[in-house]
N, C-alpha and C. Protein backbone atom coordinates (compact mmCIF):
# COMPACT_ATOMS: atom_id res chain seq x y z
N MET A 1 163.62 111.31 140.91
CA MET A 1 162.19 111.40 141.12
C MET A 1 161.71 112.67 140.69
N SER A 2 160.60 112.80 140.24
CA SER A 2 160.17 114.49 139.89
C SER A 2 159.83 114.91 141.17
N GLN A 3 159.39 116.30 141.41
CA GLN A 3 159.19 117.07 142.17
C GLN A 3 157.62 116.57 142.37
N GLY A 4 156.82 115.94 143.61
CA GLY A 4 155.41 116.10 144.11
C GLY A 4 155.04 117.07 145.27
N LYS A 5 153.99 116.52 145.19
CA LYS A 5 153.20 117.71 146.32
C LYS A 5 152.62 117.09 147.67
N ILE A 6 152.84 117.76 148.67
CA ILE A 6 152.71 117.24 150.00
C ILE A 6 151.46 118.04 150.37
N ASP A 7 150.66 117.11 151.14
CA ASP A 7 149.33 117.86 151.71
C ASP A 7 150.02 118.41 153.27
N SER A 8 148.70 119.09 153.68
CA SER A 8 148.69 120.15 154.65
C SER A 8 149.60 119.32 156.18
N SER A 9 149.09 118.07 156.11
CA SER A 9 149.48 116.89 157.20
C SER A 9 150.85 117.51 157.47
N VAL A 10 152.23 117.60 156.66
CA VAL A 10 153.37 117.46 156.32
C VAL A 10 153.46 118.80 157.05
N PHE A 11 152.66 119.79 156.23
CA PHE A 11 153.46 121.12 156.51
C PHE A 11 153.19 121.39 158.09
N ALA A 12 151.96 120.54 158.94
CA ALA A 12 151.52 120.82 160.09
C ALA A 12 152.52 119.82 161.13
N THR A 13 152.87 118.63 160.83
CA THR A 13 154.27 118.15 161.12
C THR A 13 155.28 119.09 161.42
N LEU A 14 155.68 119.64 160.28
CA LEU A 14 156.95 120.72 160.84
C LEU A 14 156.43 121.58 161.37
N LEU A 15 155.78 122.36 161.35
CA LEU A 15 155.37 123.31 162.54
C LEU A 15 155.14 122.90 164.21
N GLN A 16 154.43 121.72 164.07
CA GLN A 16 154.48 121.12 165.45
C GLN A 16 156.06 120.63 166.07
N GLN A 17 156.95 120.25 165.11
CA GLN A 17 158.22 119.93 165.57
C GLN A 17 158.90 121.66 165.98
N LYS A 18 158.62 122.36 165.41
CA LYS A 18 159.63 123.65 165.79
C LYS A 18 158.46 124.15 167.03
N MET A 19 157.44 124.02 167.04
CA MET A 19 157.12 124.60 168.29
C MET A 19 157.50 123.43 169.55
N GLU A 20 157.44 122.35 169.45
CA GLU A 20 158.20 121.43 170.43
C GLU A 20 159.49 121.89 170.62
N GLU A 21 160.30 122.44 169.82
CA GLU A 21 161.75 122.36 170.13
C GLU A 21 161.61 123.90 170.77
N SER A 22 160.92 124.76 170.74
CA SER A 22 160.63 126.46 171.36
C SER A 22 159.87 125.93 172.53
N GLY A 23 159.13 125.06 173.00
CA GLY A 23 158.61 124.92 174.22
C GLY A 23 157.24 125.86 174.20
N THR A 24 156.64 125.83 173.16
CA THR A 24 155.29 126.54 172.97
C THR A 24 154.42 125.79 172.21
N SER A 25 152.90 125.84 172.84
CA SER A 25 151.97 125.26 172.30
C SER A 25 151.27 125.91 170.98
N SER A 26 151.75 127.22 170.78
CA SER A 26 150.89 127.73 169.93
C SER A 26 151.84 128.81 169.36
N ILE A 27 151.70 129.17 167.80
CA ILE A 27 152.19 130.28 167.22
C ILE A 27 151.45 131.01 166.19
N SER A 28 151.85 132.26 166.17
CA SER A 28 151.52 133.61 165.60
C SER A 28 152.21 133.55 164.23
N ALA A 29 151.28 134.18 163.28
CA ALA A 29 151.88 134.53 162.09
C ALA A 29 153.23 134.88 162.02
N GLU A 30 153.45 136.06 162.60
CA GLU A 30 155.08 136.64 162.84
C GLU A 30 155.90 135.41 163.41
N GLU A 31 155.38 134.76 164.07
CA GLU A 31 156.34 133.72 164.48
C GLU A 31 156.74 132.46 163.33
N LEU A 32 155.30 131.91 162.58
CA LEU A 32 155.36 131.16 161.86
C LEU A 32 156.84 131.60 160.57
N MET A 33 156.31 132.93 160.00
CA MET A 33 157.01 133.19 158.96
C MET A 33 158.67 133.01 159.69
N LYS A 34 158.85 133.45 160.98
CA LYS A 34 160.46 133.23 161.36
C LYS A 34 160.78 131.46 161.23
N THR A 35 159.68 130.93 161.78
CA THR A 35 159.81 129.55 161.70
C THR A 35 160.20 129.04 160.47
N LEU A 36 159.46 129.60 159.27
CA LEU A 36 159.65 128.77 158.00
C LEU A 36 161.28 129.16 157.64
N ALA A 37 161.49 130.41 158.17
CA ALA A 37 163.13 131.00 157.54
C ALA A 37 163.94 129.95 158.23
N ALA A 38 164.07 129.33 159.41
CA ALA A 38 164.71 128.60 160.05
C ALA A 38 164.70 127.19 159.96
N ILE A 39 163.71 126.62 159.18
CA ILE A 39 163.76 125.31 158.22
C ILE A 39 164.91 125.38 157.28
N SER A 40 165.46 126.17 156.91
CA SER A 40 166.33 126.27 155.77
C SER A 40 165.94 125.52 154.59
N LEU A 41 164.76 125.95 153.90
CA LEU A 41 164.27 125.35 152.65
C LEU A 41 164.60 126.31 151.92
N PRO A 42 165.19 125.97 150.36
CA PRO A 42 164.66 126.74 149.20
C PRO A 42 163.76 128.06 149.18
N ALA A 43 163.93 129.10 148.81
CA ALA A 43 163.25 130.38 148.77
C ALA A 43 162.00 129.71 148.10
N ASP A 44 162.22 129.20 147.31
CA ASP A 44 160.73 128.66 146.32
C ASP A 44 159.79 128.09 147.17
N GLN A 45 160.32 127.01 147.97
CA GLN A 45 159.40 126.09 148.72
C GLN A 45 159.12 126.81 149.99
N VAL A 46 159.63 128.35 150.72
CA VAL A 46 159.25 129.02 151.90
C VAL A 46 158.00 129.62 151.38
N ASP A 47 158.37 130.27 149.79
CA ASP A 47 157.50 130.81 149.47
C ASP A 47 155.80 129.96 149.27
N SER A 48 156.21 128.93 148.78
CA SER A 48 155.06 127.90 148.82
C SER A 48 154.31 127.52 150.42
N LEU A 49 155.05 127.37 151.09
CA LEU A 49 154.66 127.26 152.59
C LEU A 49 153.72 128.54 153.02
N LYS A 50 154.25 129.72 152.81
CA LYS A 50 153.49 131.03 153.16
C LYS A 50 152.23 131.07 152.52
N GLN A 51 152.35 130.54 151.16
CA GLN A 51 151.30 130.60 150.53
C GLN A 51 150.33 129.60 151.48
N GLY A 52 150.63 128.54 151.82
CA GLY A 52 149.78 127.37 152.13
C GLY A 52 149.40 127.94 153.60
N LEU A 53 149.65 128.70 154.02
CA LEU A 53 149.47 129.05 155.16
C LEU A 53 148.28 130.09 155.20
N THR A 54 148.50 131.03 154.12
CA THR A 54 147.11 131.93 153.95
C THR A 54 146.09 130.77 153.51
N SER A 55 146.23 129.97 152.86
CA SER A 55 144.98 128.89 152.43
C SER A 55 144.21 128.17 153.57
N LEU A 56 145.21 128.38 154.66
CA LEU A 56 144.77 127.62 155.90
C LEU A 56 143.83 128.41 156.74
N GLY A 57 143.59 130.23 156.18
CA GLY A 57 142.48 130.92 156.67
C GLY A 57 142.54 131.20 158.47
N GLY A 58 143.87 131.26 158.87
CA GLY A 58 144.06 131.76 160.20
C GLY A 58 145.41 132.42 160.81
N THR A 59 145.50 132.87 161.75
CA THR A 59 146.89 133.59 161.78
C THR A 59 147.61 132.76 162.89
N SER A 60 147.06 131.77 163.38
CA SER A 60 147.88 130.89 164.37
C SER A 60 147.55 129.39 164.09
N ALA A 61 148.61 128.59 164.29
CA ALA A 61 148.61 127.59 164.09
C ALA A 61 149.14 126.36 165.20
N SER A 62 148.41 125.45 165.94
CA SER A 62 148.59 124.75 167.37
C SER A 62 148.95 123.16 166.65
N GLY A 63 149.68 122.55 167.83
CA GLY A 63 150.39 121.53 167.29
C GLY A 63 149.25 120.42 166.91
N GLY A 64 149.63 119.15 166.22
CA GLY A 64 148.66 118.18 165.83
C GLY A 64 148.52 117.99 164.32
N ALA A 65 148.90 117.16 163.41
CA ALA A 65 148.78 117.00 162.12
C ALA A 65 147.09 117.13 161.49
N SER A 66 146.49 116.67 162.89
CA SER A 66 144.72 116.00 162.35
C SER A 66 144.10 117.38 162.08
N SER A 67 144.52 118.45 163.27
CA SER A 67 144.02 119.61 163.06
C SER A 67 143.96 120.01 161.50
N LEU A 68 145.05 120.12 160.69
CA LEU A 68 145.28 121.06 159.71
C LEU A 68 144.73 119.73 158.21
N ASP A 69 144.72 119.04 158.41
CA ASP A 69 144.46 117.95 157.78
C ASP A 69 143.36 117.82 156.43
N SER A 70 142.39 118.71 156.78
CA SER A 70 141.21 118.70 155.92
C SER A 70 141.83 119.95 154.90
N SER A 71 142.75 120.83 155.03
CA SER A 71 143.08 121.82 154.32
C SER A 71 143.35 121.44 153.14
N PRO A 72 143.20 122.17 151.79
CA PRO A 72 144.23 121.88 150.66
C PRO A 72 145.50 122.36 150.66
N ALA A 73 145.80 122.94 151.34
CA ALA A 73 147.47 123.43 151.13
C ALA A 73 148.12 122.36 150.75
N LYS A 74 149.14 122.90 149.74
CA LYS A 74 150.11 122.15 149.14
C LYS A 74 151.40 122.69 149.25
N ILE A 75 152.42 121.98 149.71
CA ILE A 75 154.03 122.50 149.42
C ILE A 75 154.45 121.50 148.36
N GLU A 76 156.14 122.07 147.68
CA GLU A 76 156.40 121.40 146.99
C GLU A 76 157.69 120.35 147.80
N MET A 77 157.30 119.15 147.03
CA MET A 77 158.59 118.39 147.84
C MET A 77 159.90 118.53 147.17
N PRO A 78 161.35 118.53 147.77
CA PRO A 78 162.14 118.47 147.26
C PRO A 78 162.66 116.97 146.13
N ASN A 79 163.53 117.23 145.42
CA ASN A 79 163.82 115.84 144.70
C ASN A 79 164.49 114.85 146.09
N VAL A 80 164.12 113.62 145.67
CA VAL A 80 164.83 112.59 146.54
C VAL A 80 165.13 111.41 145.85
N SER A 81 166.81 111.41 146.15
CA SER A 81 167.16 110.25 145.23
C SER A 81 166.60 108.73 145.67
N GLU A 82 166.70 107.72 144.87
CA GLU A 82 166.76 106.42 145.26
C GLU A 82 167.40 105.75 144.65
N PRO A 83 167.68 104.25 144.92
CA PRO A 83 168.91 103.36 144.58
C PRO A 83 168.18 103.10 143.02
N THR A 84 169.22 102.89 142.44
CA THR A 84 168.70 102.74 140.75
C THR A 84 169.12 101.18 140.37
N VAL A 85 169.79 100.48 141.02
CA VAL A 85 169.71 98.78 141.05
C VAL A 85 169.15 97.83 141.98
N ARG A 86 168.32 97.20 141.56
CA ARG A 86 167.28 96.49 142.39
C ARG A 86 168.16 95.41 143.11
N SER A 87 168.17 95.36 144.40
CA SER A 87 169.36 94.45 145.11
C SER A 87 168.67 93.43 146.00
N GLY A 88 168.82 92.25 146.23
CA GLY A 88 167.81 91.77 147.27
C GLY A 88 166.28 90.96 146.83
N THR A 89 165.72 90.57 147.71
CA THR A 89 164.49 89.90 147.37
C THR A 89 163.47 90.46 148.13
N PRO A 90 162.60 91.11 147.48
CA PRO A 90 161.21 91.88 148.45
C PRO A 90 160.73 90.76 149.31
N ASN A 91 160.28 91.49 150.44
CA ASN A 91 159.46 90.54 151.58
C ASN A 91 158.22 90.02 150.87
N ALA A 92 157.95 88.30 151.08
CA ALA A 92 156.60 88.11 150.66
C ALA A 92 155.23 88.89 150.95
N ASN A 93 155.59 89.51 151.92
CA ASN A 93 154.37 90.16 152.52
C ASN A 93 154.24 91.76 152.05
N ALA A 94 155.00 91.97 151.18
CA ALA A 94 155.20 93.31 151.13
C ALA A 94 153.84 93.56 149.75
N ALA A 95 153.84 92.71 148.78
CA ALA A 95 152.24 92.82 148.11
C ALA A 95 151.30 93.21 148.70
N GLN A 96 150.95 92.60 149.50
CA GLN A 96 149.23 93.18 150.39
C GLN A 96 148.87 94.45 150.79
N TYR A 97 150.42 95.33 150.79
CA TYR A 97 150.38 96.63 151.18
C TYR A 97 150.47 97.27 149.78
N ALA A 98 150.41 96.92 148.93
CA ALA A 98 151.14 97.50 147.57
C ALA A 98 150.01 98.99 147.29
N ASN A 99 148.81 98.93 147.30
CA ASN A 99 148.17 99.77 147.21
C ASN A 99 148.01 100.87 148.13
N ILE A 100 148.06 100.25 149.41
CA ILE A 100 148.24 101.73 150.50
C ILE A 100 149.40 102.55 150.13
N VAL A 101 150.91 101.26 149.90
CA VAL A 101 152.39 102.09 149.65
C VAL A 101 151.70 103.12 148.69
N SER A 102 151.76 102.52 147.48
CA SER A 102 151.51 103.39 146.31
C SER A 102 150.63 104.69 146.37
N ALA A 103 149.79 104.70 147.23
CA ALA A 103 148.51 105.97 147.33
C ALA A 103 149.22 106.57 148.61
N ALA A 104 150.10 106.12 149.27
CA ALA A 104 150.79 107.08 150.03
C ALA A 104 151.76 107.78 149.48
N SER A 105 152.42 107.20 148.42
CA SER A 105 153.88 107.50 147.76
C SER A 105 153.23 108.94 146.81
N SER A 106 151.98 108.60 146.22
CA SER A 106 151.44 109.74 145.47
C SER A 106 151.21 110.65 146.38
N LYS A 107 150.42 110.62 147.53
CA LYS A 107 149.89 111.86 148.33
C LYS A 107 150.85 112.38 148.98
N TYR A 108 152.08 111.97 149.32
CA TYR A 108 153.26 112.59 149.98
C TYR A 108 154.33 112.96 149.19
N GLY A 109 154.52 112.67 148.13
CA GLY A 109 155.51 112.85 146.83
C GLY A 109 156.95 112.18 147.21
N ILE A 110 156.87 110.83 147.72
CA ILE A 110 158.17 110.19 148.21
C ILE A 110 158.04 108.73 147.37
N PRO A 111 159.30 108.31 147.50
CA PRO A 111 159.01 107.00 146.60
C PRO A 111 158.87 106.07 147.30
N GLU A 112 158.06 105.31 146.54
CA GLU A 112 157.35 103.99 147.14
C GLU A 112 158.60 102.77 147.53
N SER A 113 159.47 102.93 147.03
CA SER A 113 160.93 101.66 147.61
C SER A 113 161.22 102.66 148.94
N LEU A 114 160.89 103.84 149.30
CA LEU A 114 161.49 104.27 150.44
C LEU A 114 160.49 103.80 151.60
N ILE A 115 159.57 103.83 151.42
CA ILE A 115 158.29 103.62 152.28
C ILE A 115 158.27 102.26 152.67
N ASN A 116 158.54 101.06 151.29
CA ASN A 116 158.80 99.75 151.57
C ASN A 116 159.98 99.60 152.28
N GLY A 117 160.79 100.33 152.15
CA GLY A 117 162.33 99.94 152.85
C GLY A 117 162.48 100.18 154.31
N ILE A 118 161.60 101.44 154.54
CA ILE A 118 161.52 101.79 156.00
C ILE A 118 160.64 100.47 156.81
N ILE A 119 159.41 100.12 155.85
CA ILE A 119 158.52 98.93 156.67
C ILE A 119 159.41 97.67 156.94
N ASP A 120 159.93 97.56 155.46
CA ASP A 120 161.11 96.25 155.92
C ASP A 120 162.00 95.95 156.90
N ALA A 121 162.56 97.33 157.26
CA ALA A 121 163.57 97.51 158.15
C ALA A 121 162.94 97.68 159.74
N GLU A 122 161.85 97.88 159.79
CA GLU A 122 161.21 98.31 161.25
C GLU A 122 160.41 97.37 161.70
N SER A 123 159.57 96.43 160.69
CA SER A 123 158.53 95.68 161.09
C SER A 123 158.40 94.13 159.94
N SER A 124 159.55 94.14 159.17
CA SER A 124 159.44 93.24 158.17
C SER A 124 158.01 92.68 157.86
N PHE A 125 156.99 93.92 157.60
CA PHE A 125 155.88 93.82 156.99
C PHE A 125 154.79 93.29 158.07
N ASN A 126 155.00 93.47 159.22
CA ASN A 126 154.23 92.64 160.31
C ASN A 126 153.48 93.67 160.72
N PRO A 127 151.97 93.91 160.34
CA PRO A 127 151.27 95.00 160.88
C PRO A 127 151.10 95.31 162.32
N ASN A 128 151.29 93.82 163.29
CA ASN A 128 150.93 93.45 164.56
C ASN A 128 152.48 93.76 165.37
N ALA A 129 153.50 94.32 164.60
CA ALA A 129 154.98 94.30 165.27
C ALA A 129 154.94 95.51 166.55
N GLN A 130 155.38 94.85 167.88
CA GLN A 130 155.51 96.22 168.75
C GLN A 130 156.49 95.97 169.42
N SER A 131 157.60 97.11 169.53
CA SER A 131 159.00 97.33 169.88
C SER A 131 158.87 97.26 171.43
N GLY A 132 159.71 96.88 172.33
CA GLY A 132 159.82 97.21 173.40
C GLY A 132 159.76 98.36 173.86
N ALA A 133 159.98 99.35 173.10
CA ALA A 133 159.85 101.03 173.53
C ALA A 133 158.51 101.37 173.13
N GLY A 134 157.79 100.60 172.88
CA GLY A 134 156.30 100.96 172.44
C GLY A 134 155.91 101.33 171.13
N ALA A 135 156.89 101.37 170.13
CA ALA A 135 156.71 101.70 168.74
C ALA A 135 155.60 100.47 167.93
N LYS A 136 154.65 101.01 167.42
CA LYS A 136 153.89 99.91 166.84
C LYS A 136 153.28 100.00 165.57
N GLY A 137 153.18 98.73 164.55
CA GLY A 137 152.77 98.60 163.50
C GLY A 137 153.99 98.62 162.07
N LEU A 138 153.11 98.87 161.34
CA LEU A 138 154.40 98.33 160.22
C LEU A 138 155.41 99.48 160.10
N MET A 139 155.36 100.68 160.01
CA MET A 139 156.24 101.72 160.18
C MET A 139 156.79 101.93 161.83
N GLN A 140 156.05 101.35 162.54
CA GLN A 140 156.74 101.19 164.19
C GLN A 140 156.87 102.68 164.59
N LEU A 141 155.39 103.10 164.68
CA LEU A 141 155.12 104.55 165.31
C LEU A 141 154.98 104.80 166.52
N MET A 142 155.54 105.60 167.52
CA MET A 142 155.37 105.65 169.11
C MET A 142 153.72 106.36 169.19
N ASP A 143 153.22 106.23 170.37
CA ASP A 143 152.11 106.76 170.49
C ASP A 143 151.90 108.22 170.38
N GLY A 144 153.04 108.82 170.98
CA GLY A 144 152.81 110.40 170.73
C GLY A 144 153.09 111.05 169.19
N THR A 145 153.68 110.49 168.59
CA THR A 145 154.27 110.73 167.44
C THR A 145 153.01 110.27 166.42
N ALA A 146 152.29 109.09 166.78
CA ALA A 146 150.97 108.65 165.92
C ALA A 146 150.12 109.80 166.10
N ALA A 147 149.66 110.08 167.36
CA ALA A 147 148.57 111.09 167.70
C ALA A 147 148.72 112.33 166.98
N GLY A 148 150.24 113.01 167.09
CA GLY A 148 150.33 114.19 166.53
C GLY A 148 150.11 113.74 164.85
N LEU A 149 149.91 112.81 164.24
CA LEU A 149 149.78 112.55 162.68
C LEU A 149 148.41 112.12 162.31
N GLY A 150 147.50 112.20 163.37
CA GLY A 150 146.30 111.99 163.49
C GLY A 150 145.87 110.33 163.09
N VAL A 151 146.87 109.63 163.59
CA VAL A 151 146.70 107.80 163.44
C VAL A 151 145.82 107.53 164.90
N LYS A 152 144.75 107.09 164.64
CA LYS A 152 144.21 106.75 165.86
C LYS A 152 144.46 104.85 166.10
N ASN A 153 144.61 104.11 165.42
CA ASN A 153 145.11 102.76 165.55
C ASN A 153 146.52 102.51 164.80
N SER A 154 147.34 102.26 165.47
CA SER A 154 148.68 102.24 164.88
C SER A 154 148.72 100.95 164.63
N PHE A 155 147.86 99.96 164.52
CA PHE A 155 148.20 98.32 164.18
C PHE A 155 147.09 98.55 162.53
N ASP A 156 146.65 99.50 162.47
CA ASP A 156 145.55 99.69 161.02
C ASP A 156 146.63 99.62 159.98
N PRO A 157 147.12 98.75 158.76
CA PRO A 157 148.09 99.06 158.13
C PRO A 157 147.74 100.70 157.58
N GLU A 158 146.73 101.12 156.97
CA GLU A 158 146.43 101.96 155.90
C GLU A 158 146.73 103.30 157.05
N GLN A 159 146.14 103.32 158.26
CA GLN A 159 146.47 104.55 159.11
C GLN A 159 148.14 104.72 159.39
N ASN A 160 148.95 103.16 159.60
CA ASN A 160 150.36 103.59 159.92
C ASN A 160 150.88 104.06 158.77
N ILE A 161 150.64 103.30 158.01
CA ILE A 161 151.47 103.87 156.44
C ILE A 161 151.21 105.13 156.23
N ASN A 162 149.94 105.79 156.20
CA ASN A 162 150.11 107.00 155.92
C ASN A 162 150.64 108.37 157.09
N GLY A 163 150.61 107.60 158.10
CA GLY A 163 151.27 108.23 159.15
C GLY A 163 152.63 108.28 159.07
N GLY A 164 153.56 107.49 158.81
CA GLY A 164 154.52 106.99 158.71
C GLY A 164 155.20 107.58 157.42
N ALA A 165 154.42 107.69 156.15
CA ALA A 165 154.83 108.41 155.17
C ALA A 165 154.70 109.95 155.26
N SER A 166 153.78 110.28 156.08
CA SER A 166 153.74 112.16 156.33
C SER A 166 154.84 112.48 156.94
N TYR A 167 155.14 111.74 158.16
CA TYR A 167 156.24 112.02 159.10
C TYR A 167 157.60 111.89 158.16
N ILE A 168 158.02 110.94 157.46
CA ILE A 168 159.35 110.84 156.82
C ILE A 168 159.21 112.02 155.69
N ALA A 169 158.16 112.33 154.96
CA ALA A 169 158.13 113.36 154.19
C ALA A 169 158.55 114.69 154.73
N SER A 170 157.73 114.71 155.85
CA SER A 170 158.06 116.37 156.65
C SER A 170 159.59 116.20 156.81
N MET A 171 160.35 114.97 157.21
CA MET A 171 161.86 115.24 157.63
C MET A 171 162.67 115.38 156.20
N LEU A 172 162.56 115.01 155.08
CA LEU A 172 162.74 115.26 153.65
C LEU A 172 162.56 116.54 153.61
N ILE A 173 161.58 117.49 153.61
CA ILE A 173 161.16 118.66 153.67
C ILE A 173 162.53 119.53 154.55
N ARG A 174 162.08 119.40 155.84
CA ARG A 174 163.10 119.56 156.84
C ARG A 174 164.67 119.64 156.37
N TYR A 175 165.09 118.61 155.88
CA TYR A 175 166.20 118.22 155.60
C TYR A 175 166.53 118.34 154.05
N ASP A 176 166.02 119.08 153.39
CA ASP A 176 166.15 119.58 152.16
C ASP A 176 166.57 118.60 151.10
N GLY A 177 165.52 117.53 151.14
CA GLY A 177 165.65 116.16 150.55
C GLY A 177 166.49 115.30 150.82
N SER A 178 167.61 115.43 151.93
CA SER A 178 168.50 114.23 152.40
C SER A 178 167.85 113.38 153.01
N GLN A 179 168.10 112.02 152.14
CA GLN A 179 167.27 110.96 152.91
C GLN A 179 167.94 110.20 154.10
N ARG A 180 169.33 110.56 153.96
CA ARG A 180 170.05 110.14 155.34
C ARG A 180 169.70 110.61 156.59
N LEU A 181 169.86 112.19 156.17
CA LEU A 181 169.18 113.15 157.53
C LEU A 181 167.84 112.56 157.67
N ALA A 182 166.96 112.67 156.90
CA ALA A 182 165.46 112.03 157.38
C ALA A 182 165.36 110.88 157.85
N LEU A 183 166.35 109.97 157.54
CA LEU A 183 166.16 108.61 158.13
C LEU A 183 166.67 108.63 159.94
N ALA A 184 167.67 109.39 159.75
CA ALA A 184 168.35 109.73 160.99
C ALA A 184 167.54 110.57 162.14
N ALA A 185 166.61 111.21 161.52
CA ALA A 185 165.44 111.83 162.08
C ALA A 185 164.25 110.98 162.75
N TYR A 186 163.91 109.91 161.58
CA TYR A 186 163.10 109.27 161.89
C TYR A 186 163.32 108.37 163.00
N ASN A 187 164.32 108.04 163.15
CA ASN A 187 164.69 106.81 163.96
C ASN A 187 165.01 107.76 165.55
N ALA A 188 166.19 108.50 165.57
CA ALA A 188 166.57 109.38 166.74
C ALA A 188 165.61 110.46 167.07
N GLY A 189 164.88 110.82 165.95
CA GLY A 189 163.89 112.13 166.38
C GLY A 189 164.86 113.50 165.88
N PRO A 190 164.48 114.47 165.38
CA PRO A 190 164.87 115.81 164.93
C PRO A 190 165.71 116.30 166.00
N GLY A 191 165.07 116.09 167.16
CA GLY A 191 165.81 117.03 168.22
C GLY A 191 167.01 116.29 168.36
N THR A 192 167.37 115.28 168.46
CA THR A 192 168.78 114.54 168.72
C THR A 192 169.71 115.48 167.93
N LEU A 193 169.54 115.30 166.29
CA LEU A 193 169.96 115.66 165.32
C LEU A 193 170.40 117.46 165.81
N GLN A 194 169.54 117.98 166.04
CA GLN A 194 169.54 119.39 166.44
C GLN A 194 170.84 119.77 167.84
N ARG A 195 170.67 118.65 168.55
CA ARG A 195 171.36 118.72 169.98
C ARG A 195 173.05 118.52 169.34
N LEU A 196 173.26 117.84 168.50
CA LEU A 196 174.29 117.37 167.92
C LEU A 196 174.86 118.54 166.86
N GLY A 197 173.99 119.24 166.27
CA GLY A 197 174.43 120.06 165.23
C GLY A 197 174.33 119.62 163.91
N ILE A 198 173.61 118.76 163.87
CA ILE A 198 173.74 118.42 162.48
C ILE A 198 172.42 118.58 161.92
N ARG A 199 173.17 119.37 160.98
CA ARG A 199 171.69 119.93 160.13
C ARG A 199 171.74 119.85 158.45
N THR A 200 173.08 119.41 157.91
CA THR A 200 173.46 119.25 156.70
C THR A 200 174.11 118.12 156.23
N GLU A 201 173.92 117.48 154.86
CA GLU A 201 175.15 116.29 154.89
C GLU A 201 176.22 116.56 155.33
N ALA A 202 176.84 117.59 155.24
CA ALA A 202 178.19 117.93 155.68
C ALA A 202 178.27 117.43 157.03
N ASP A 203 177.31 118.06 157.73
CA ASP A 203 177.22 117.90 159.23
C ASP A 203 177.31 116.43 159.56
N LEU A 204 176.18 115.37 158.74
CA LEU A 204 176.05 114.28 159.09
C LEU A 204 177.66 113.48 158.72
N ASP A 205 178.17 113.54 157.72
CA ASP A 205 179.38 112.99 157.50
C ASP A 205 180.43 113.37 158.63
N ALA A 206 180.64 114.60 159.02
CA ALA A 206 181.67 114.82 160.26
C ALA A 206 181.25 114.50 161.57
N LYS A 207 180.00 114.48 161.79
CA LYS A 207 179.58 113.72 163.41
C LYS A 207 178.73 112.73 163.09
N PHE A 208 178.98 111.72 162.14
CA PHE A 208 177.60 110.39 162.19
C PHE A 208 178.36 109.70 163.17
N ASP A 209 179.77 109.69 163.71
CA ASP A 209 179.90 108.74 164.81
C ASP A 209 179.29 109.20 166.43
N THR A 210 178.82 110.41 166.55
CA THR A 210 178.15 111.08 167.53
C THR A 210 176.53 110.45 167.65
N LEU A 211 176.14 110.23 166.31
CA LEU A 211 174.76 109.63 166.79
C LEU A 211 174.65 108.27 167.44
N PRO A 212 173.31 107.68 167.86
CA PRO A 212 173.05 106.40 168.39
C PRO A 212 173.55 105.60 167.59
N ARG A 213 174.30 104.53 168.22
CA ARG A 213 174.75 103.52 167.44
C ARG A 213 173.39 103.04 166.62
N GLU A 214 172.29 102.81 167.31
CA GLU A 214 171.46 102.24 166.61
C GLU A 214 170.78 103.30 165.57
N THR A 215 171.01 104.33 165.29
CA THR A 215 170.67 105.28 164.39
C THR A 215 171.89 104.89 163.35
N GLN A 216 172.82 104.94 163.50
CA GLN A 216 173.85 104.71 162.46
C GLN A 216 173.50 103.37 161.86
N LYS A 217 173.25 102.48 162.53
CA LYS A 217 172.93 101.10 161.63
C LYS A 217 171.64 101.33 160.95
N TYR A 218 170.66 102.21 161.27
CA TYR A 218 169.67 102.04 161.12
C TYR A 218 169.67 102.78 159.05
N ILE A 219 170.38 103.77 159.49
CA ILE A 219 170.23 104.50 158.12
C ILE A 219 170.70 103.38 156.79
N GLY A 220 172.16 102.51 157.23
CA GLY A 220 172.35 101.87 155.95
C GLY A 220 170.95 100.55 155.99
N ARG A 221 170.57 100.32 156.98
CA ARG A 221 169.48 99.06 157.03
C ARG A 221 168.22 99.44 155.93
N VAL A 222 167.92 100.64 156.16
CA VAL A 222 166.57 101.12 155.35
C VAL A 222 167.49 101.09 153.70
N GLN A 223 168.25 102.04 153.62
CA GLN A 223 168.66 102.07 152.40
C GLN A 223 168.90 100.44 151.80
N THR A 224 169.76 99.81 152.25
CA THR A 224 169.81 98.54 151.82
C THR A 224 168.34 97.61 151.66
N ALA A 225 167.36 97.74 152.46
CA ALA A 225 165.91 97.10 152.34
C ALA A 225 165.62 97.93 150.91
N GLN A 226 165.32 99.74 150.88
CA GLN A 226 164.93 100.06 150.05
C GLN A 226 165.47 99.37 148.47
N ALA A 227 166.75 99.02 148.22
CA ALA A 227 167.10 98.57 147.04
C ALA A 227 166.27 97.31 146.67
N LYS A 228 165.48 96.55 147.44
CA LYS A 228 164.73 95.65 146.81
C LYS A 228 163.47 96.12 146.35
N TYR A 229 163.10 97.01 146.41
CA TYR A 229 161.69 97.58 145.86
C TYR A 229 161.90 98.79 145.05
N ILE A 230 162.82 98.99 143.98
CA ILE A 230 162.75 99.77 143.16
C ILE A 230 161.89 99.22 142.03
């Protein structure tokens, strides 16, 4: 997949995650630059993020993707691999969301097959799905996560898909394009990976058994589902 552009909602999500990890509700320009360095992106992507900060026109940023969503700031998306051979039959309900998925794929620079794979694994394309834990909609967003992504109604397919795509895109940037790490964070939360000391593919291989069992299965389930939609 060629590199794409990510809008500022992904930028905001990354910042929000770092602030939550450090227990702060705001971040100064100086702290932000330290945050960018801590995300472990390639130098050219860090430069793009710094340029994005300048375009936001402020010296500090606070949590919540919706507060930055109107900014024109863009950052480069790392290359994301996807299956090369189709395997399995797509969900019959996938077609009705194809236009939304395509638009989100273009907006956030991630494969349509990945978005479809997550939806397939999370909700089987049921926009009214709700888990016992309270995750809602096609991409099963928790209320707190949805609010931070600017999603007001998780049962609205367009809002849900855009929110979920924004979140997984931010995880792909955080983990240098590693789809397995991004999926683990989507399911268990980046804080879980941080506590387990999982930051790279090598870490994931070495500590895979320390992940929650649900997360271990989730990674493979999404990748299997993704192969239906290439």
